[in-house]
Amino acid sequence: MASNVAGALAYVTIIPAILFIVLEQFKSDKFVRFHAFQSLFFQLGLLVCWIPIMIVGWIPFIGWLVLILGVIVLGLGGFGTWIFLVFKAYNNEKFELPVVGKMAAEQAAK
């Protein structure tokens, strides 16, 4: 499998990302490992942001407003970022997200 395809597939779910990190075939490919780690860290970051929004969403009225805004901002923003990252990986570009990109680069270099 080509590195750009594997890098793009790493963003599909956490399963391909984990597989690309542990499979011997991709252990030496820093491009694929970078995108696999960035995918995991990005998805973990989204989950961490969703948890307080979901908890506050249980509060009547104000919580519902926070939940609706959270879905719009985090949901659409996360989806747009995800599409952008898949596109960059498929075009053989290494785009680092502000926080998780540096962590992914450090992990991929190991």
PDB file of N, CA and C in Angstrom:
ATOM      1  N   MET A   1       0.841  -1.171   0.000  1.00  0.00           N
ATOM      2  CA  MET A   1       0.000   0.000   0.000  1.00  0.00           C
ATOM      3  C   MET A   1       0.892   1.242   0.000  1.00  0.00           C
ATOM      4  N   ALA A   2       0.518   2.213  -0.790  1.00  0.00           N
ATOM      5  CA  ALA A   2       1.291   3.451  -0.882  1.00  0.00           C
ATOM      6  C   ALA A   2       1.186   4.235   0.418  1.00  0.00           C
ATOM      7  N   SER A   3       2.236   4.980   0.732  1.00  0.00           N
ATOM      8  CA  SER A   3       2.275   5.739   1.981  1.00  0.00           C
ATOM      9  C   SER A   3       1.169   6.776   2.057  1.00  0.00           C
ATOM     10  N   ASN A   4       0.870   7.437   0.928  1.00  0.00           N
ATOM     11  CA  ASN A   4      -0.175   8.459   0.980  1.00  0.00           C
ATOM     12  C   ASN A   4      -1.548   7.859   1.247  1.00  0.00           C
ATOM     13  N   VAL A   5      -1.827   6.683   0.712  1.00  0.00           N
ATOM     14  CA  VAL A   5      -3.111   6.021   0.953  1.00  0.00           C
ATOM     15  C   VAL A   5      -3.193   5.566   2.411  1.00  0.00           C
ATOM     16  N   ALA A   6      -2.116   4.984   2.912  1.00  0.00           N
ATOM     17  CA  ALA A   6      -2.097   4.548   4.313  1.00  0.00           C
ATOM     18  C   ALA A   6      -2.229   5.740   5.251  1.00  0.00           C
ATOM     19  N   GLY A   7      -1.572   6.844   4.934  1.00  0.00           N
ATOM     20  CA  GLY A   7      -1.682   8.042   5.756  1.00  0.00           C
ATOM     21  C   GLY A   7      -3.105   8.577   5.786  1.00  0.00           C
ATOM     22  N   ALA A   8      -3.772   8.560   4.639  1.00  0.00           N
ATOM     23  CA  ALA A   8      -5.166   9.022   4.582  1.00  0.00           C
ATOM     24  C   ALA A   8      -6.084   8.053   5.315  1.00  0.00           C
ATOM     25  N   LEU A   9      -5.849   6.759   5.168  1.00  0.00           N
ATOM     26  CA  LEU A   9      -6.684   5.762   5.849  1.00  0.00           C
ATOM     27  C   LEU A   9      -6.520   5.801   7.366  1.00  0.00           C
ATOM     28  N   ALA A  10      -5.393   6.304   7.837  1.00  0.00           N
ATOM     29  CA  ALA A  10      -5.164   6.390   9.280  1.00  0.00           C
ATOM     30  C   ALA A  10      -6.191   7.296   9.941  1.00  0.00           C
ATOM     31  N   TYR A  11      -6.779   8.208   9.195  1.00  0.00           N
ATOM     32  CA  TYR A  11      -7.754   9.139   9.762  1.00  0.00           C
ATOM     33  C   TYR A  11      -9.177   8.602   9.754  1.00  0.00           C
ATOM     34  N   VAL A  12      -9.415   7.464   9.120  1.00  0.00           N
ATOM     35  CA  VAL A  12     -10.785   6.953   8.994  1.00  0.00           C
ATOM     36  C   VAL A  12     -11.395   6.666  10.368  1.00  0.00           C
ATOM     37  N   THR A  13     -10.755   5.825  11.146  1.00  0.00           N
ATOM     38  CA  THR A  13     -11.150   5.547  12.536  1.00  0.00           C
ATOM     39  C   THR A  13      -9.878   5.284  13.323  1.00  0.00           C
ATOM     40  N   ILE A  14     -10.018   4.930  14.572  1.00  0.00           N
ATOM     41  CA  ILE A  14      -8.822   4.641  15.355  1.00  0.00           C
ATOM     42  C   ILE A  14      -8.232   3.274  15.019  1.00  0.00           C
ATOM     43  N   ILE A  15      -9.025   2.382  14.440  1.00  0.00           N
ATOM     44  CA  ILE A  15      -8.537   1.028  14.153  1.00  0.00           C
ATOM     45  C   ILE A  15      -7.403   1.026  13.133  1.00  0.00           C
ATOM     46  N   PRO A  16      -7.551   1.654  11.942  1.00  0.00           N
ATOM     47  CA  PRO A  16      -6.411   1.673  11.029  1.00  0.00           C
ATOM     48  C   PRO A  16      -5.218   2.425  11.604  1.00  0.00           C
ATOM     49  N   ALA A  17      -5.472   3.474  12.371  1.00  0.00           N
ATOM     50  CA  ALA A  17      -4.370   4.237  12.965  1.00  0.00           C
ATOM     51  C   ALA A  17      -3.550   3.341  13.895  1.00  0.00           C
ATOM     52  N   ILE A  18      -4.231   2.570  14.730  1.00  0.00           N
ATOM     53  CA  ILE A  18      -3.523   1.657  15.637  1.00  0.00           C
ATOM     54  C   ILE A  18      -2.805   0.569  14.851  1.00  0.00           C
ATOM     55  N   LEU A  19      -3.462   0.046  13.826  1.00  0.00           N
ATOM     56  CA  LEU A  19      -2.827  -1.000  13.009  1.00  0.00           C
ATOM     57  C   LEU A  19      -1.566  -0.477  12.326  1.00  0.00           C
ATOM     58  N   PHE A  20      -1.606   0.734  11.817  1.00  0.00           N
ATOM     59  CA  PHE A  20      -0.434   1.290  11.134  1.00  0.00           C
ATOM     60  C   PHE A  20       0.715   1.559  12.105  1.00  0.00           C
ATOM     61  N   ILE A  21       0.402   1.741  13.368  1.00  0.00           N
ATOM     62  CA  ILE A  21       1.457   1.941  14.363  1.00  0.00           C
ATOM     63  C   ILE A  21       2.116   0.621  14.736  1.00  0.00           C
ATOM     64  N   VAL A  22       1.339  -0.457  14.820  1.00  0.00           N
ATOM     65  CA  VAL A  22       1.898  -1.728  15.289  1.00  0.00           C
ATOM     66  C   VAL A  22       2.355  -2.670  14.185  1.00  0.00           C
ATOM     67  N   LEU A  23       1.811  -2.559  12.995  1.00  0.00           N
ATOM     68  CA  LEU A  23       2.212  -3.472  11.924  1.00  0.00           C
ATOM     69  C   LEU A  23       3.656  -3.231  11.503  1.00  0.00           C
ATOM     70  N   GLU A  24       4.379  -4.294  11.345  1.00  0.00           N
ATOM     71  CA  GLU A  24       5.799  -4.232  10.995  1.00  0.00           C
ATOM     72  C   GLU A  24       6.019  -3.530   9.654  1.00  0.00           C
ATOM     73  N   GLN A  25       5.092  -3.708   8.754  1.00  0.00           N
ATOM     74  CA  GLN A  25       5.192  -3.132   7.412  1.00  0.00           C
ATOM     75  C   GLN A  25       5.295  -1.599   7.443  1.00  0.00           C
ATOM     76  N   PHE A  26       4.672  -0.960   8.429  1.00  0.00           N
ATOM     77  CA  PHE A  26       4.627   0.497   8.487  1.00  0.00           C
ATOM     78  C   PHE A  26       5.491   1.090   9.589  1.00  0.00           C
ATOM     79  N   LYS A  27       6.154   0.267  10.378  1.00  0.00           N
ATOM     80  CA  LYS A  27       6.946   0.778  11.500  1.00  0.00           C
ATOM     81  C   LYS A  27       8.090   1.677  11.058  1.00  0.00           C
ATOM     82  N   SER A  28       8.630   1.439   9.885  1.00  0.00           N
ATOM     83  CA  SER A  28       9.749   2.251   9.414  1.00  0.00           C
ATOM     84  C   SER A  28       9.305   3.452   8.563  1.00  0.00           C
ATOM     85  N   ASP A  29       8.026   3.521   8.237  1.00  0.00           N
ATOM     86  CA  ASP A  29       7.508   4.625   7.418  1.00  0.00           C
ATOM     87  C   ASP A  29       7.067   5.772   8.329  1.00  0.00           C
ATOM     88  N   LYS A  30       7.919   6.781   8.459  1.00  0.00           N
ATOM     89  CA  LYS A  30       7.643   7.898   9.377  1.00  0.00           C
ATOM     90  C   LYS A  30       6.428   8.716   8.940  1.00  0.00           C
ATOM     91  N   PHE A  31       6.164   8.787   7.649  1.00  0.00           N
ATOM     92  CA  PHE A  31       5.003   9.524   7.138  1.00  0.00           C
ATOM     93  C   PHE A  31       3.701   8.892   7.635  1.00  0.00           C
ATOM     94  N   VAL A  32       3.592   7.582   7.479  1.00  0.00           N
ATOM     95  CA  VAL A  32       2.386   6.871   7.908  1.00  0.00           C
ATOM     96  C   VAL A  32       2.259   6.919   9.427  1.00  0.00           C
ATOM     97  N   ARG A  33       3.365   6.711  10.129  1.00  0.00           N
ATOM     98  CA  ARG A  33       3.332   6.743  11.593  1.00  0.00           C
ATOM     99  C   ARG A  33       2.912   8.129  12.099  1.00  0.00           C
ATOM    100  N   PHE A  34       3.423   9.186  11.462  1.00  0.00           N
ATOM    101  CA  PHE A  34       3.030  10.539  11.865  1.00  0.00           C
ATOM    102  C   PHE A  34       1.524  10.725  11.743  1.00  0.00           C
ATOM    103  N   HIS A  35       0.964  10.345  10.604  1.00  0.00           N
ATOM    104  CA  HIS A  35      -0.468  10.539  10.401  1.00  0.00           C
ATOM    105  C   HIS A  35      -1.294   9.627  11.308  1.00  0.00           C
ATOM    106  N   ALA A  36      -0.796   8.433  11.597  1.00  0.00           N
ATOM    107  CA  ALA A  36      -1.507   7.546  12.515  1.00  0.00           C
ATOM    108  C   ALA A  36      -1.537   8.144  13.921  1.00  0.00           C
ATOM    109  N   PHE A  37      -0.392   8.634  14.394  1.00  0.00           N
ATOM    110  CA  PHE A  37      -0.360   9.247  15.720  1.00  0.00           C
ATOM    111  C   PHE A  37      -1.178  10.534  15.761  1.00  0.00           C
ATOM    112  N   GLN A  38      -1.090  11.341  14.733  1.00  0.00           N
ATOM    113  CA  GLN A  38      -1.859  12.586  14.718  1.00  0.00           C
ATOM    114  C   GLN A  38      -3.354  12.282  14.713  1.00  0.00           C
ATOM    115  N   SER A  39      -3.752  11.241  14.001  1.00  0.00           N
ATOM    116  CA  SER A  39      -5.150  10.841  13.988  1.00  0.00           C
ATOM    117  C   SER A  39      -5.614  10.443  15.383  1.00  0.00           C
ATOM    118  N   LEU A  40      -4.819   9.638  16.063  1.00  0.00           N
ATOM    119  CA  LEU A  40      -5.188   9.212  17.417  1.00  0.00           C
ATOM    120  C   LEU A  40      -5.270  10.392  18.370  1.00  0.00           C
ATOM    121  N   PHE A  41      -4.280  11.264  18.333  1.00  0.00           N
ATOM    122  CA  PHE A  41      -4.264  12.409  19.237  1.00  0.00           C
ATOM    123  C   PHE A  41      -5.396  13.385  18.922  1.00  0.00           C
ATOM    124  N   PHE A  42      -5.687  13.571  17.637  1.00  0.00           N
ATOM    125  CA  PHE A  42      -6.780  14.462  17.226  1.00  0.00           C
ATOM    126  C   PHE A  42      -8.124  13.924  17.716  1.00  0.00           C
ATOM    127  N   GLN A  43      -8.346  12.630  17.536  1.00  0.00           N
ATOM    128  CA  GLN A  43      -9.605  12.026  17.966  1.00  0.00           C
ATOM    129  C   GLN A  43      -9.735  12.024  19.487  1.00  0.00           C
ATOM    130  N   LEU A  44      -8.630  11.811  20.172  1.00  0.00           N
ATOM    131  CA  LEU A  44      -8.644  11.878  21.628  1.00  0.00           C
ATOM    132  C   LEU A  44      -8.947  13.304  22.095  1.00  0.00           C
ATOM    133  N   GLY A  45      -8.381  14.292  21.437  1.00  0.00           N
ATOM    134  CA  GLY A  45      -8.654  15.689  21.765  1.00  0.00           C
ATOM    135  C   GLY A  45     -10.119  16.048  21.558  1.00  0.00           C
ATOM    136  N   LEU A  46     -10.707  15.563  20.468  1.00  0.00           N
ATOM    137  CA  LEU A  46     -12.131  15.809  20.241  1.00  0.00           C
ATOM    138  C   LEU A  46     -12.978  15.181  21.336  1.00  0.00           C
ATOM    139  N   LEU A  47     -12.624  13.973  21.745  1.00  0.00           N
ATOM    140  CA  LEU A  47     -13.358  13.297  22.814  1.00  0.00           C
ATOM    141  C   LEU A  47     -13.270  14.074  24.122  1.00  0.00           C
ATOM    142  N   VAL A  48     -12.073  14.560  24.436  1.00  0.00           N
ATOM    143  CA  VAL A  48     -11.877  15.346  25.659  1.00  0.00           C
ATOM    144  C   VAL A  48     -12.708  16.630  25.616  1.00  0.00           C
ATOM    145  N   CYS A  49     -12.856  17.226  24.451  1.00  0.00           N
ATOM    146  CA  CYS A  49     -13.671  18.441  24.327  1.00  0.00           C
ATOM    147  C   CYS A  49     -15.170  18.131  24.386  1.00  0.00           C
ATOM    148  N   TRP A  50     -15.564  16.957  23.907  1.00  0.00           N
ATOM    149  CA  TRP A  50     -16.978  16.599  23.895  1.00  0.00           C
ATOM    150  C   TRP A  50     -17.524  16.299  25.286  1.00  0.00           C
ATOM    151  N   ILE A  51     -16.701  15.722  26.158  1.00  0.00           N
ATOM    152  CA  ILE A  51     -17.179  15.276  27.471  1.00  0.00           C
ATOM    153  C   ILE A  51     -17.805  16.422  28.274  1.00  0.00           C
ATOM    154  N   PRO A  52     -17.126  17.563  28.470  1.00  0.00           N
ATOM    155  CA  PRO A  52     -17.787  18.628  29.238  1.00  0.00           C
ATOM    156  C   PRO A  52     -19.026  19.199  28.544  1.00  0.00           C
ATOM    157  N   ILE A  53     -19.020  19.216  27.227  1.00  0.00           N
ATOM    158  CA  ILE A  53     -20.194  19.711  26.507  1.00  0.00           C
ATOM    159  C   ILE A  53     -21.390  18.796  26.760  1.00  0.00           C
ATOM    160  N   MET A  54     -21.161  17.503  26.756  1.00  0.00           N
ATOM    161  CA  MET A  54     -22.244  16.557  27.006  1.00  0.00           C
ATOM    162  C   MET A  54     -22.732  16.641  28.451  1.00  0.00           C
ATOM    163  N   ILE A  55     -21.818  16.851  29.390  1.00  0.00           N
ATOM    164  CA  ILE A  55     -22.215  16.968  30.800  1.00  0.00           C
ATOM    165  C   ILE A  55     -23.043  18.232  31.014  1.00  0.00           C
ATOM    166  N   VAL A  56     -22.585  19.351  30.478  1.00  0.00           N
ATOM    167  CA  VAL A  56     -23.326  20.618  30.615  1.00  0.00           C
ATOM    168  C   VAL A  56     -24.654  20.536  29.873  1.00  0.00           C
ATOM    169  N   GLY A  57     -24.731  19.715  28.848  1.00  0.00           N
ATOM    170  CA  GLY A  57     -25.963  19.567  28.074  1.00  0.00           C
ATOM    171  C   GLY A  57     -27.142  19.054  28.876  1.00  0.00           C
ATOM    172  N   TRP A  58     -26.895  18.462  30.026  1.00  0.00           N
ATOM    173  CA  TRP A  58     -27.978  17.964  30.875  1.00  0.00           C
ATOM    174  C   TRP A  58     -28.682  19.082  31.645  1.00  0.00           C
ATOM    175  N   ILE A  59     -28.062  20.242  31.730  1.00  0.00           N
ATOM    176  CA  ILE A  59     -28.675  21.372  32.440  1.00  0.00           C
ATOM    177  C   ILE A  59     -29.794  21.934  31.560  1.00  0.00           C
ATOM    178  N   PRO A  60     -31.001  22.111  32.132  1.00  0.00           N
ATOM    179  CA  PRO A  60     -32.097  22.639  31.309  1.00  0.00           C
ATOM    180  C   PRO A  60     -31.782  24.027  30.745  1.00  0.00           C
ATOM    181  N   PHE A  61     -32.238  24.273  29.578  1.00  0.00           N
ATOM    182  CA  PHE A  61     -32.148  25.497  28.791  1.00  0.00           C
ATOM    183  C   PHE A  61     -30.715  25.932  28.479  1.00  0.00           C
ATOM    184  N   ILE A  62     -29.940  26.385  29.468  1.00  0.00           N
ATOM    185  CA  ILE A  62     -28.572  26.845  29.201  1.00  0.00           C
ATOM    186  C   ILE A  62     -27.727  25.685  28.676  1.00  0.00           C
ATOM    187  N   GLY A  63     -27.902  24.527  29.260  1.00  0.00           N
ATOM    188  CA  GLY A  63     -27.161  23.351  28.808  1.00  0.00           C
ATOM    189  C   GLY A  63     -27.507  22.981  27.374  1.00  0.00           C
ATOM    190  N   TRP A  64     -28.777  23.152  27.023  1.00  0.00           N
ATOM    191  CA  TRP A  64     -29.188  22.834  25.661  1.00  0.00           C
ATOM    192  C   TRP A  64     -28.550  23.791  24.665  1.00  0.00           C
ATOM    193  N   LEU A  65     -28.458  25.058  25.048  1.00  0.00           N
ATOM    194  CA  LEU A  65     -27.797  26.028  24.174  1.00  0.00           C
ATOM    195  C   LEU A  65     -26.320  25.692  23.990  1.00  0.00           C
ATOM    196  N   VAL A  66     -25.674  25.329  25.103  1.00  0.00           N
ATOM    197  CA  VAL A  66     -24.260  24.931  25.029  1.00  0.00           C
ATOM    198  C   VAL A  66     -24.111  23.689  24.159  1.00  0.00           C
ATOM    199  N   LEU A  67     -25.028  22.760  24.307  1.00  0.00           N
ATOM    200  CA  LEU A  67     -24.980  21.528  23.516  1.00  0.00           C
ATOM    201  C   LEU A  67     -25.156  21.818  22.028  1.00  0.00           C
ATOM    202  N   ILE A  68     -26.099  22.671  21.693  1.00  0.00           N
ATOM    203  CA  ILE A  68     -26.324  23.015  20.279  1.00  0.00           C
ATOM    204  C   ILE A  68     -25.105  23.734  19.703  1.00  0.00           C
ATOM    205  N   LEU A  69     -24.568  24.699  20.446  1.00  0.00           N
ATOM    206  CA  LEU A  69     -23.367  25.401  19.979  1.00  0.00           C
ATOM    207  C   LEU A  69     -22.174  24.452  19.879  1.00  0.00           C
ATOM    208  N   GLY A  70     -22.068  23.532  20.829  1.00  0.00           N
ATOM    209  CA  GLY A  70     -20.978  22.553  20.800  1.00  0.00           C
ATOM    210  C   GLY A  70     -21.059  21.657  19.579  1.00  0.00           C
ATOM    211  N   VAL A  71     -22.274  21.229  19.252  1.00  0.00           N
ATOM    212  CA  VAL A  71     -22.460  20.390  18.072  1.00  0.00           C
ATOM    213  C   VAL A  71     -22.081  21.161  16.813  1.00  0.00           C
ATOM    214  N   ILE A  72     -22.496  22.413  16.755  1.00  0.00           N
ATOM    215  CA  ILE A  72     -22.199  23.216  15.566  1.00  0.00           C
ATOM    216  C   ILE A  72     -20.698  23.482  15.455  1.00  0.00           C
ATOM    217  N   VAL A  73     -20.103  24.004  16.523  1.00  0.00           N
ATOM    218  CA  VAL A  73     -18.701  24.409  16.460  1.00  0.00           C
ATOM    219  C   VAL A  73     -17.766  23.204  16.441  1.00  0.00           C
ATOM    220  N   LEU A  74     -17.896  22.345  17.441  1.00  0.00           N
ATOM    221  CA  LEU A  74     -16.971  21.217  17.548  1.00  0.00           C
ATOM    222  C   LEU A  74     -17.265  20.152  16.497  1.00  0.00           C
ATOM    223  N   GLY A  75     -18.545  19.907  16.255  1.00  0.00           N
ATOM    224  CA  GLY A  75     -18.909  18.882  15.270  1.00  0.00           C
ATOM    225  C   GLY A  75     -18.497  19.258  13.859  1.00  0.00           C
ATOM    226  N   LEU A  76     -18.908  20.427  13.428  1.00  0.00           N
ATOM    227  CA  LEU A  76     -18.569  20.854  12.064  1.00  0.00           C
ATOM    228  C   LEU A  76     -17.085  21.192  11.930  1.00  0.00           C
ATOM    229  N   GLY A  77     -16.530  21.804  12.967  1.00  0.00           N
ATOM    230  CA  GLY A  77     -15.096  22.109  12.940  1.00  0.00           C
ATOM    231  C   GLY A  77     -14.248  20.855  12.916  1.00  0.00           C
ATOM    232  N   GLY A  78     -14.624  19.881  13.732  1.00  0.00           N
ATOM    233  CA  GLY A  78     -13.900  18.606  13.752  1.00  0.00           C
ATOM    234  C   GLY A  78     -14.021  17.865  12.430  1.00  0.00           C
ATOM    235  N   PHE A  79     -15.226  17.886  11.854  1.00  0.00           N
ATOM    236  CA  PHE A  79     -15.431  17.219  10.567  1.00  0.00           C
ATOM    237  C   PHE A  79     -14.619  17.897   9.466  1.00  0.00           C
ATOM    238  N   GLY A  80     -14.635  19.222   9.444  1.00  0.00           N
ATOM    239  CA  GLY A  80     -13.861  19.956   8.441  1.00  0.00           C
ATOM    240  C   GLY A  80     -12.367  19.714   8.581  1.00  0.00           C
ATOM    241  N   THR A  81     -11.892  19.697   9.816  1.00  0.00           N
ATOM    242  CA  THR A  81     -10.471  19.424  10.058  1.00  0.00           C
ATOM    243  C   THR A  81     -10.126  18.011   9.628  1.00  0.00           C
ATOM    244  N   TRP A  82     -11.005  17.062   9.915  1.00  0.00           N
ATOM    245  CA  TRP A  82     -10.788  15.670   9.536  1.00  0.00           C
ATOM    246  C   TRP A  82     -10.674  15.536   8.011  1.00  0.00           C
ATOM    247  N   ILE A  83     -11.576  16.159   7.268  1.00  0.00           N
ATOM    248  CA  ILE A  83     -11.525  16.116   5.794  1.00  0.00           C
ATOM    249  C   ILE A  83     -10.216  16.742   5.305  1.00  0.00           C
ATOM    250  N   PHE A  84      -9.841  17.876   5.899  1.00  0.00           N
ATOM    251  CA  PHE A  84      -8.605  18.561   5.532  1.00  0.00           C
ATOM    252  C   PHE A  84      -7.387  17.662   5.765  1.00  0.00           C
ATOM    253  N   LEU A  85      -7.342  16.961   6.892  1.00  0.00           N
ATOM    254  CA  LEU A  85      -6.211  16.093   7.209  1.00  0.00           C
ATOM    255  C   LEU A  85      -6.135  14.894   6.263  1.00  0.00           C
ATOM    256  N   VAL A  86      -7.281  14.327   5.925  1.00  0.00           N
ATOM    257  CA  VAL A  86      -7.301  13.220   4.952  1.00  0.00           C
ATOM    258  C   VAL A  86      -6.771  13.707   3.608  1.00  0.00           C
ATOM    259  N   PHE A  87      -7.211  14.866   3.176  1.00  0.00           N
ATOM    260  CA  PHE A  87      -6.776  15.452   1.909  1.00  0.00           C
ATOM    261  C   PHE A  87      -5.261  15.695   1.902  1.00  0.00           C
ATOM    262  N   LYS A  88      -4.745  16.271   2.989  1.00  0.00           N
ATOM    263  CA  LYS A  88      -3.307  16.551   3.082  1.00  0.00           C
ATOM    264  C   LYS A  88      -2.497  15.256   3.061  1.00  0.00           C
ATOM    265  N   ALA A  89      -2.933  14.259   3.810  1.00  0.00           N
ATOM    266  CA  ALA A  89      -2.207  12.984   3.851  1.00  0.00           C
ATOM    267  C   ALA A  89      -2.222  12.312   2.476  1.00  0.00           C
ATOM    268  N   TYR A  90      -3.359  12.352   1.811  1.00  0.00           N
ATOM    269  CA  TYR A  90      -3.453  11.727   0.498  1.00  0.00           C
ATOM    270  C   TYR A  90      -2.555  12.422  -0.527  1.00  0.00           C
ATOM    271  N   ASN A  91      -2.321  13.718  -0.354  1.00  0.00           N
ATOM    272  CA  ASN A  91      -1.450  14.469  -1.258  1.00  0.00           C
ATOM    273  C   ASN A  91       0.005  14.480  -0.804  1.00  0.00           C
ATOM    274  N   ASN A  92       0.371  13.536   0.042  1.00  0.00           N
ATOM    275  CA  ASN A  92       1.753  13.391   0.538  1.00  0.00           C
ATOM    276  C   ASN A  92       2.273  14.628   1.259  1.00  0.00           C
ATOM    277  N   GLU A  93       1.402  15.314   1.972  1.00  0.00           N
ATOM    278  CA  GLU A  93       1.812  16.498   2.728  1.00  0.00           C
ATOM    279  C   GLU A  93       1.731  16.191   4.215  1.00  0.00           C
ATOM    280  N   LYS A  94       2.711  16.678   4.947  1.00  0.00           N
ATOM    281  CA  LYS A  94       2.749  16.473   6.393  1.00  0.00           C
ATOM    282  C   LYS A  94       2.307  17.770   7.055  1.00  0.00           C
ATOM    283  N   PHE A  95       1.031  17.888   7.345  1.00  0.00           N
ATOM    284  CA  PHE A  95       0.483  19.075   7.990  1.00  0.00           C
ATOM    285  C   PHE A  95       0.365  18.798   9.481  1.00  0.00           C
ATOM    286  N   GLU A  96       1.010  19.619  10.306  1.00  0.00           N
ATOM    287  CA  GLU A  96       0.964  19.443  11.752  1.00  0.00           C
ATOM    288  C   GLU A  96      -0.104  20.340  12.356  1.00  0.00           C
ATOM    289  N   LEU A  97      -1.024  19.734  13.084  1.00  0.00           N
ATOM    290  CA  LEU A  97      -1.995  20.512  13.845  1.00  0.00           C
ATOM    291  C   LEU A  97      -1.275  21.214  14.988  1.00  0.00           C
ATOM    292  N   PRO A  98      -1.801  22.324  15.482  1.00  0.00           N
ATOM    293  CA  PRO A  98      -1.071  23.128  16.474  1.00  0.00           C
ATOM    294  C   PRO A  98      -0.567  22.385  17.701  1.00  0.00           C
ATOM    295  N   VAL A  99      -1.365  21.609  18.381  1.00  0.00           N
ATOM    296  CA  VAL A  99      -0.919  20.966  19.613  1.00  0.00           C
ATOM    297  C   VAL A  99      -0.531  19.517  19.371  1.00  0.00           C
ATOM    298  N   VAL A 100      -1.430  18.773  18.751  1.00  0.00           N
ATOM    299  CA  VAL A 100      -1.198  17.336  18.595  1.00  0.00           C
ATOM    300  C   VAL A 100      -0.184  17.014  17.505  1.00  0.00           C
ATOM    301  N   GLY A 101       0.040  17.915  16.580  1.00  0.00           N
ATOM    302  CA  GLY A 101       1.002  17.668  15.507  1.00  0.00           C
ATOM    303  C   GLY A 101       2.423  17.496  16.008  1.00  0.00           C
ATOM    304  N   LYS A 102       2.811  18.322  16.961  1.00  0.00           N
ATOM    305  CA  LYS A 102       4.154  18.212  17.524  1.00  0.00           C
ATOM    306  C   LYS A 102       4.316  16.902  18.291  1.00  0.00           C
ATOM    307  N   MET A 103       3.283  16.538  19.048  1.00  0.00           N
ATOM    308  CA  MET A 103       3.342  15.264  19.772  1.00  0.00           C
ATOM    309  C   MET A 103       3.421  14.087  18.813  1.00  0.00           C
ATOM    310  N   ALA A 104       2.663  14.159  17.722  1.00  0.00           N
ATOM    311  CA  ALA A 104       2.672  13.086  16.727  1.00  0.00           C
ATOM    312  C   ALA A 104       4.027  12.986  16.047  1.00  0.00           C
ATOM    313  N   ALA A 105       4.633  14.126  15.743  1.00  0.00           N
ATOM    314  CA  ALA A 105       5.960  14.122  15.119  1.00  0.00           C
ATOM    315  C   ALA A 105       7.010  13.503  16.044  1.00  0.00           C
ATOM    316  N   GLU A 106       6.909  13.798  17.338  1.00  0.00           N
ATOM    317  CA  GLU A 106       7.846  13.212  18.292  1.00  0.00           C
ATOM    318  C   GLU A 106       7.664  11.699  18.384  1.00  0.00           C
ATOM    319  N   GLN A 107       6.412  11.244  18.407  1.00  0.00           N
ATOM    320  CA  GLN A 107       6.144   9.810  18.498  1.00  0.00           C
ATOM    321  C   GLN A 107       6.544   9.077  17.220  1.00  0.00           C
ATOM    322  N   ALA A 108       6.341   9.701  16.077  1.00  0.00           N
ATOM    323  CA  ALA A 108       6.676   9.070  14.799  1.00  0.00           C
ATOM    324  C   ALA A 108       8.181   8.943  14.630  1.00  0.00           C
ATOM    325  N   ALA A 109       8.945   9.823  15.252  1.00  0.00           N
ATOM    326  CA  ALA A 109      10.403   9.791  15.109  1.00  0.00           C
ATOM    327  C   ALA A 109      11.030   8.672  15.924  1.00  0.00           C
ATOM    328  N   LYS A 110      10.314   8.132  16.886  1.00  0.00           N
ATOM    329  CA  LYS A 110      10.865   7.065  17.743  1.00  0.00           C
ATOM    330  C   LYS A 110      10.976   5.764  17.002  1.00  0.00           C
TER     331      LYS A 110
END
